[in-house]
Structures are given as structure tokens and as C-alpha cells.
Amino acid sequence: MPKSSKSRRLSAAKRAELERRLRDIHDQESNIKERIYKLEASIAAAPGLQSARRLSLWNTVPADEAGVPSRIRPRTRYQRQLANRGRSRQAIAALFLTGIALLLGVWLSWQLKTHGLI
């Protein structure tokens, strides 16, 4: 039984639609493969780029503006307490070392006087 022209047109249109969809899927597949390749290349190159960056910054001094944050966030009460404790410990250590230096100086001058060198 011969096919009618209407059914041939319908099958041709269906075939064209399927081919177009297949082309779209192939394009998507190649796009995804290309993106995967680029991601793999960037992952493989990351350690080398990072070491090159470290080497380029190895013996440089950062600019003054780089160390200062543009927006200073207020500290929490706990952070302020920790900072105050740290400063107090430093002050006590400095006072202790200064006291030891003074005692050493007094002892040394006393030793020199008792032995008749001064």
C-alpha cells in the first residue's frame, strides 16, 4: 500500500524535528565536554599558578593600604577582653624584666663596691 503524501510530509517533518533535537543535544554535549576540559585544566594548573604567585610575592613588601582594612568592624566584648588581657600580660612581663634588670644593676654595683673596684 503506497504512502500518501500527507503521511510522507508528516514523517519528513518528524524526522527533521528529531534531527534538530539530536543536533541540539550534540551541541550541548560538546559544550559540556569543553567546560569539563577547561575545569580539569584549571584544576591541574592551580598548584603551579599558586606557587608562581607565591614566588612573585616572595620578597616584596605590601603597600601600606593593603594591610589596613577599608571597613573596620567593631569588636565584640569578648574580643576586647582578650586584647586587654594580652596587653596586660605584656605589661606585666615588661615590668618583671625591668625589675630584674634593676636588681641586676644594683647587685653588680654592690659587688663592685665591696671588692673595691668603684
N, C-alpha and C. Protein backbone atom coordinates (compact mmCIF):
# COMPACT_ATOMS: atom_id res chain seq x y z
N MET A 1 0.83 -1.17 0.00
CA MET A 1 0.00 0.00 0.00
C MET A 1 0.89 1.25 0.00
N PRO A 2 0.76 2.09 -0.96
CA PRO A 2 1.62 3.27 -1.05
C PRO A 2 1.27 4.29 0.02
N LYS A 3 2.29 4.99 0.45
CA LYS A 3 2.09 6.02 1.46
C LYS A 3 1.52 7.26 0.80
N SER A 4 0.68 7.91 1.54
CA SER A 4 0.12 9.14 0.99
C SER A 4 1.12 10.27 1.17
N SER A 5 0.95 11.32 0.44
CA SER A 5 1.87 12.45 0.51
C SER A 5 1.79 13.13 1.87
N LYS A 6 0.62 13.09 2.47
CA LYS A 6 0.45 13.71 3.79
C LYS A 6 1.26 12.96 4.85
N SER A 7 1.24 11.64 4.81
CA SER A 7 1.99 10.87 5.79
C SER A 7 3.50 11.01 5.54
N ARG A 8 3.92 11.14 4.24
CA ARG A 8 5.33 11.35 3.94
C ARG A 8 5.80 12.70 4.46
N ARG A 9 4.97 13.74 4.29
CA ARG A 9 5.32 15.05 4.80
C ARG A 9 5.42 15.03 6.32
N LEU A 10 4.49 14.31 6.94
CA LEU A 10 4.49 14.21 8.40
C LEU A 10 5.73 13.49 8.89
N SER A 11 6.10 12.41 8.24
CA SER A 11 7.30 11.68 8.67
C SER A 11 8.55 12.50 8.38
N ALA A 12 8.57 13.25 7.29
CA ALA A 12 9.72 14.10 6.98
C ALA A 12 9.84 15.22 8.02
N ALA A 13 8.73 15.80 8.41
CA ALA A 13 8.74 16.86 9.43
C ALA A 13 9.19 16.28 10.78
N LYS A 14 8.69 15.08 11.07
CA LYS A 14 9.08 14.43 12.32
C LYS A 14 10.57 14.11 12.32
N ARG A 15 11.05 13.64 11.17
CA ARG A 15 12.47 13.31 11.05
C ARG A 15 13.33 14.57 11.19
N ALA A 16 12.89 15.67 10.57
CA ALA A 16 13.63 16.92 10.66
C ALA A 16 13.66 17.42 12.11
N GLU A 17 12.54 17.31 12.80
CA GLU A 17 12.47 17.72 14.22
C GLU A 17 13.41 16.87 15.07
N LEU A 18 13.43 15.56 14.85
CA LEU A 18 14.31 14.68 15.59
C LEU A 18 15.78 14.98 15.30
N GLU A 19 16.09 15.27 14.03
CA GLU A 19 17.47 15.62 13.68
C GLU A 19 17.89 16.94 14.34
N ARG A 20 16.96 17.91 14.36
CA ARG A 20 17.27 19.18 15.01
C ARG A 20 17.52 18.98 16.51
N ARG A 21 16.67 18.17 17.14
CA ARG A 21 16.86 17.89 18.57
C ARG A 21 18.18 17.15 18.81
N LEU A 22 18.51 16.23 17.91
CA LEU A 22 19.76 15.49 18.04
C LEU A 22 20.96 16.44 17.89
N ARG A 23 20.89 17.38 16.94
CA ARG A 23 21.95 18.38 16.78
C ARG A 23 22.08 19.23 18.05
N ASP A 24 20.94 19.64 18.63
CA ASP A 24 20.97 20.44 19.87
C ASP A 24 21.63 19.66 21.01
N ILE A 25 21.29 18.39 21.11
CA ILE A 25 21.87 17.55 22.16
C ILE A 25 23.37 17.39 21.95
N HIS A 26 23.80 17.21 20.69
CA HIS A 26 25.24 17.10 20.40
C HIS A 26 25.95 18.41 20.73
N ASP A 27 25.32 19.54 20.41
CA ASP A 27 25.92 20.83 20.74
C ASP A 27 26.07 21.00 22.25
N GLN A 28 25.02 20.63 22.99
CA GLN A 28 25.09 20.70 24.45
C GLN A 28 26.19 19.79 24.99
N GLU A 29 26.27 18.59 24.41
CA GLU A 29 27.29 17.64 24.85
C GLU A 29 28.70 18.19 24.61
N SER A 30 28.93 18.76 23.43
CA SER A 30 30.26 19.32 23.15
C SER A 30 30.54 20.52 24.05
N ASN A 31 29.53 21.32 24.34
CA ASN A 31 29.70 22.46 25.25
C ASN A 31 30.06 21.98 26.65
N ILE A 32 29.37 20.96 27.12
CA ILE A 32 29.65 20.42 28.46
C ILE A 32 31.04 19.79 28.50
N LYS A 33 31.41 19.06 27.44
CA LYS A 33 32.75 18.46 27.40
C LYS A 33 33.83 19.53 27.40
N GLU A 34 33.59 20.62 26.68
CA GLU A 34 34.56 21.72 26.65
C GLU A 34 34.70 22.36 28.03
N ARG A 35 33.58 22.57 28.71
CA ARG A 35 33.62 23.14 30.06
C ARG A 35 34.33 22.21 31.04
N ILE A 36 34.09 20.90 30.92
CA ILE A 36 34.76 19.93 31.78
C ILE A 36 36.26 19.97 31.52
N TYR A 37 36.66 20.05 30.25
CA TYR A 37 38.07 20.11 29.91
C TYR A 37 38.72 21.35 30.52
N LYS A 38 38.04 22.49 30.41
CA LYS A 38 38.59 23.74 30.97
C LYS A 38 38.70 23.64 32.49
N LEU A 39 37.69 23.06 33.15
CA LEU A 39 37.75 22.89 34.61
C LEU A 39 38.89 21.97 35.01
N GLU A 40 39.05 20.86 34.30
CA GLU A 40 40.15 19.94 34.62
C GLU A 40 41.49 20.61 34.40
N ALA A 41 41.60 21.41 33.34
CA ALA A 41 42.85 22.11 33.07
C ALA A 41 43.14 23.14 34.16
N SER A 42 42.11 23.85 34.62
CA SER A 42 42.34 24.84 35.67
C SER A 42 42.67 24.17 36.99
N ILE A 43 42.06 23.01 37.26
CA ILE A 43 42.39 22.28 38.49
C ILE A 43 43.82 21.77 38.44
N ALA A 44 44.23 21.28 37.28
CA ALA A 44 45.59 20.76 37.14
C ALA A 44 46.61 21.90 37.20
N ALA A 45 46.24 23.08 36.73
CA ALA A 45 47.18 24.20 36.70
C ALA A 45 47.19 25.00 38.00
N ALA A 46 46.22 24.78 38.88
CA ALA A 46 46.11 25.59 40.10
C ALA A 46 47.35 25.54 40.98
N PRO A 47 47.92 24.36 41.28
CA PRO A 47 49.13 24.37 42.13
C PRO A 47 50.29 25.14 41.51
N GLY A 48 50.47 25.01 40.21
CA GLY A 48 51.55 25.73 39.54
C GLY A 48 51.32 27.23 39.57
N LEU A 49 50.09 27.65 39.35
CA LEU A 49 49.78 29.08 39.39
C LEU A 49 49.97 29.63 40.79
N GLN A 50 49.56 28.85 41.78
CA GLN A 50 49.69 29.31 43.17
C GLN A 50 51.16 29.43 43.55
N SER A 51 51.98 28.47 43.17
CA SER A 51 53.40 28.56 43.51
C SER A 51 54.05 29.71 42.75
N ALA A 52 53.65 29.96 41.52
CA ALA A 52 54.19 31.10 40.77
C ALA A 52 53.80 32.41 41.44
N ARG A 53 52.58 32.48 41.94
CA ARG A 53 52.13 33.68 42.64
C ARG A 53 52.94 33.89 43.92
N ARG A 54 53.17 32.79 44.67
CA ARG A 54 53.97 32.90 45.89
C ARG A 54 55.39 33.34 45.58
N LEU A 55 55.96 32.81 44.51
CA LEU A 55 57.32 33.20 44.13
C LEU A 55 57.38 34.66 43.70
N SER A 56 56.36 35.13 43.01
CA SER A 56 56.39 36.52 42.58
C SER A 56 56.24 37.46 43.77
N LEU A 57 55.58 37.03 44.83
CA LEU A 57 55.39 37.87 46.01
C LEU A 57 56.39 37.54 47.11
N TRP A 58 57.40 36.74 46.81
CA TRP A 58 58.29 36.22 47.84
C TRP A 58 59.00 37.30 48.63
N ASN A 59 59.62 38.23 47.97
CA ASN A 59 60.47 39.18 48.67
C ASN A 59 59.96 40.61 48.47
N THR A 60 58.67 40.78 48.52
CA THR A 60 58.10 42.10 48.32
C THR A 60 57.42 42.56 49.60
N VAL A 61 57.35 43.86 49.75
CA VAL A 61 56.67 44.45 50.89
C VAL A 61 55.33 44.95 50.41
N PRO A 62 54.24 44.57 51.06
CA PRO A 62 52.93 45.03 50.59
C PRO A 62 52.77 46.53 50.80
N ALA A 63 51.92 47.12 50.03
CA ALA A 63 51.65 48.55 50.15
C ALA A 63 51.00 48.84 51.49
N ASP A 64 51.13 50.08 51.94
CA ASP A 64 50.56 50.45 53.24
C ASP A 64 49.05 50.27 53.27
N GLU A 65 48.40 50.55 52.15
CA GLU A 65 46.95 50.45 52.11
C GLU A 65 46.47 49.00 52.16
N ALA A 66 47.33 48.06 51.74
CA ALA A 66 46.91 46.66 51.67
C ALA A 66 46.67 46.08 53.06
N GLY A 67 47.43 46.54 54.05
CA GLY A 67 47.30 45.98 55.39
C GLY A 67 46.14 46.56 56.18
N VAL A 68 45.66 47.73 55.78
CA VAL A 68 44.59 48.39 56.52
C VAL A 68 43.26 48.02 55.89
N PRO A 69 42.36 47.42 56.66
CA PRO A 69 41.05 47.09 56.08
C PRO A 69 40.27 48.37 55.80
N SER A 70 39.51 48.33 54.71
CA SER A 70 38.76 49.53 54.33
C SER A 70 37.62 49.80 55.31
N ARG A 71 37.06 48.77 55.87
CA ARG A 71 35.96 48.96 56.81
C ARG A 71 36.32 48.21 58.09
N ILE A 72 36.50 48.93 59.16
CA ILE A 72 36.87 48.31 60.43
C ILE A 72 35.59 47.89 61.15
N ARG A 73 35.51 46.61 61.41
CA ARG A 73 34.33 46.10 62.11
C ARG A 73 34.50 46.30 63.61
N PRO A 74 33.45 46.67 64.30
CA PRO A 74 33.57 46.80 65.75
C PRO A 74 33.81 45.45 66.40
N ARG A 75 34.66 45.46 67.41
CA ARG A 75 34.97 44.21 68.10
C ARG A 75 33.86 43.84 69.06
N THR A 76 33.76 42.57 69.30
CA THR A 76 32.81 42.12 70.31
C THR A 76 33.44 42.33 71.69
N ARG A 77 32.62 42.23 72.71
CA ARG A 77 33.12 42.43 74.06
C ARG A 77 34.18 41.39 74.40
N TYR A 78 33.98 40.16 73.97
CA TYR A 78 34.93 39.09 74.23
C TYR A 78 36.28 39.37 73.55
N GLN A 79 36.23 39.87 72.30
CA GLN A 79 37.47 40.20 71.60
C GLN A 79 38.21 41.33 72.31
N ARG A 80 37.47 42.33 72.81
CA ARG A 80 38.12 43.42 73.55
C ARG A 80 38.76 42.89 74.83
N GLN A 81 38.07 41.98 75.53
CA GLN A 81 38.64 41.39 76.75
C GLN A 81 39.92 40.63 76.45
N LEU A 82 39.91 39.85 75.37
CA LEU A 82 41.12 39.10 75.00
C LEU A 82 42.27 40.05 74.68
N ALA A 83 41.99 41.12 73.96
CA ALA A 83 43.04 42.08 73.63
C ALA A 83 43.57 42.74 74.90
N ASN A 84 42.68 43.10 75.82
CA ASN A 84 43.11 43.73 77.08
C ASN A 84 43.96 42.77 77.91
N ARG A 85 43.56 41.50 77.94
CA ARG A 85 44.36 40.50 78.68
C ARG A 85 45.75 40.36 78.08
N GLY A 86 45.81 40.35 76.76
CA GLY A 86 47.11 40.25 76.10
C GLY A 86 48.00 41.44 76.42
N ARG A 87 47.43 42.63 76.38
CA ARG A 87 48.21 43.83 76.72
C ARG A 87 48.64 43.80 78.18
N SER A 88 47.76 43.33 79.07
CA SER A 88 48.12 43.26 80.49
C SER A 88 49.27 42.28 80.71
N ARG A 89 49.23 41.15 80.03
CA ARG A 89 50.32 40.17 80.16
C ARG A 89 51.63 40.76 79.66
N GLN A 90 51.58 41.50 78.55
CA GLN A 90 52.79 42.13 78.04
C GLN A 90 53.32 43.16 79.02
N ALA A 91 52.43 43.95 79.63
CA ALA A 91 52.86 44.97 80.59
C ALA A 91 53.49 44.33 81.82
N ILE A 92 52.89 43.24 82.30
CA ILE A 92 53.44 42.55 83.48
C ILE A 92 54.80 41.95 83.15
N ALA A 93 54.93 41.36 81.97
CA ALA A 93 56.22 40.78 81.57
C ALA A 93 57.29 41.87 81.45
N ALA A 94 56.91 43.02 80.88
CA ALA A 94 57.88 44.12 80.76
C ALA A 94 58.28 44.64 82.14
N LEU A 95 57.33 44.77 83.04
CA LEU A 95 57.62 45.22 84.40
C LEU A 95 58.54 44.23 85.11
N PHE A 96 58.28 42.95 84.94
CA PHE A 96 59.10 41.91 85.56
C PHE A 96 60.53 41.96 85.04
N LEU A 97 60.68 42.07 83.70
CA LEU A 97 62.02 42.12 83.11
C LEU A 97 62.76 43.40 83.51
N THR A 98 62.03 44.51 83.61
CA THR A 98 62.66 45.76 84.06
C THR A 98 63.12 45.64 85.50
N GLY A 99 62.31 45.02 86.36
CA GLY A 99 62.69 44.79 87.76
C GLY A 99 63.93 43.93 87.86
N ILE A 100 63.99 42.87 87.07
CA ILE A 100 65.17 42.00 87.09
C ILE A 100 66.40 42.78 86.65
N ALA A 101 66.26 43.62 85.59
CA ALA A 101 67.40 44.42 85.11
C ALA A 101 67.86 45.39 86.21
N LEU A 102 66.93 46.03 86.92
CA LEU A 102 67.30 46.95 88.00
C LEU A 102 68.00 46.20 89.14
N LEU A 103 67.46 45.05 89.53
CA LEU A 103 68.09 44.27 90.59
C LEU A 103 69.49 43.82 90.18
N LEU A 104 69.64 43.42 88.93
CA LEU A 104 70.95 43.02 88.44
C LEU A 104 71.93 44.20 88.48
N GLY A 105 71.46 45.38 88.10
CA GLY A 105 72.32 46.57 88.16
C GLY A 105 72.72 46.91 89.58
N VAL A 106 71.77 46.84 90.54
CA VAL A 106 72.07 47.12 91.95
C VAL A 106 73.06 46.09 92.48
N TRP A 107 72.83 44.83 92.18
CA TRP A 107 73.72 43.76 92.65
C TRP A 107 75.12 43.94 92.09
N LEU A 108 75.22 44.27 90.78
CA LEU A 108 76.52 44.46 90.15
C LEU A 108 77.27 45.64 90.78
N SER A 109 76.56 46.76 91.01
CA SER A 109 77.23 47.91 91.64
C SER A 109 77.64 47.56 93.08
N TRP A 110 76.84 46.81 93.82
CA TRP A 110 77.19 46.40 95.17
C TRP A 110 78.44 45.50 95.17
N GLN A 111 78.48 44.58 94.19
CA GLN A 111 79.65 43.69 94.07
C GLN A 111 80.91 44.51 93.75
N LEU A 112 80.79 45.45 92.88
CA LEU A 112 81.94 46.28 92.52
C LEU A 112 82.41 47.13 93.71
N LYS A 113 81.48 47.63 94.52
CA LYS A 113 81.84 48.44 95.69
C LYS A 113 82.49 47.58 96.76
N THR A 114 81.96 46.39 96.99
CA THR A 114 82.51 45.53 98.06
C THR A 114 83.90 45.02 97.71
N HIS A 115 84.19 44.87 96.46
CA HIS A 115 85.52 44.40 96.06
C HIS A 115 86.48 45.55 95.79
N GLY A 116 86.02 46.75 95.97
CA GLY A 116 86.87 47.93 95.88
C GLY A 116 87.19 48.38 94.46
N LEU A 117 86.40 48.00 93.51
CA LEU A 117 86.65 48.42 92.13
C LEU A 117 86.03 49.77 91.80
N ILE A 118 85.10 50.22 92.61
CA ILE A 118 84.50 51.54 92.37
C ILE A 118 84.94 52.47 93.47
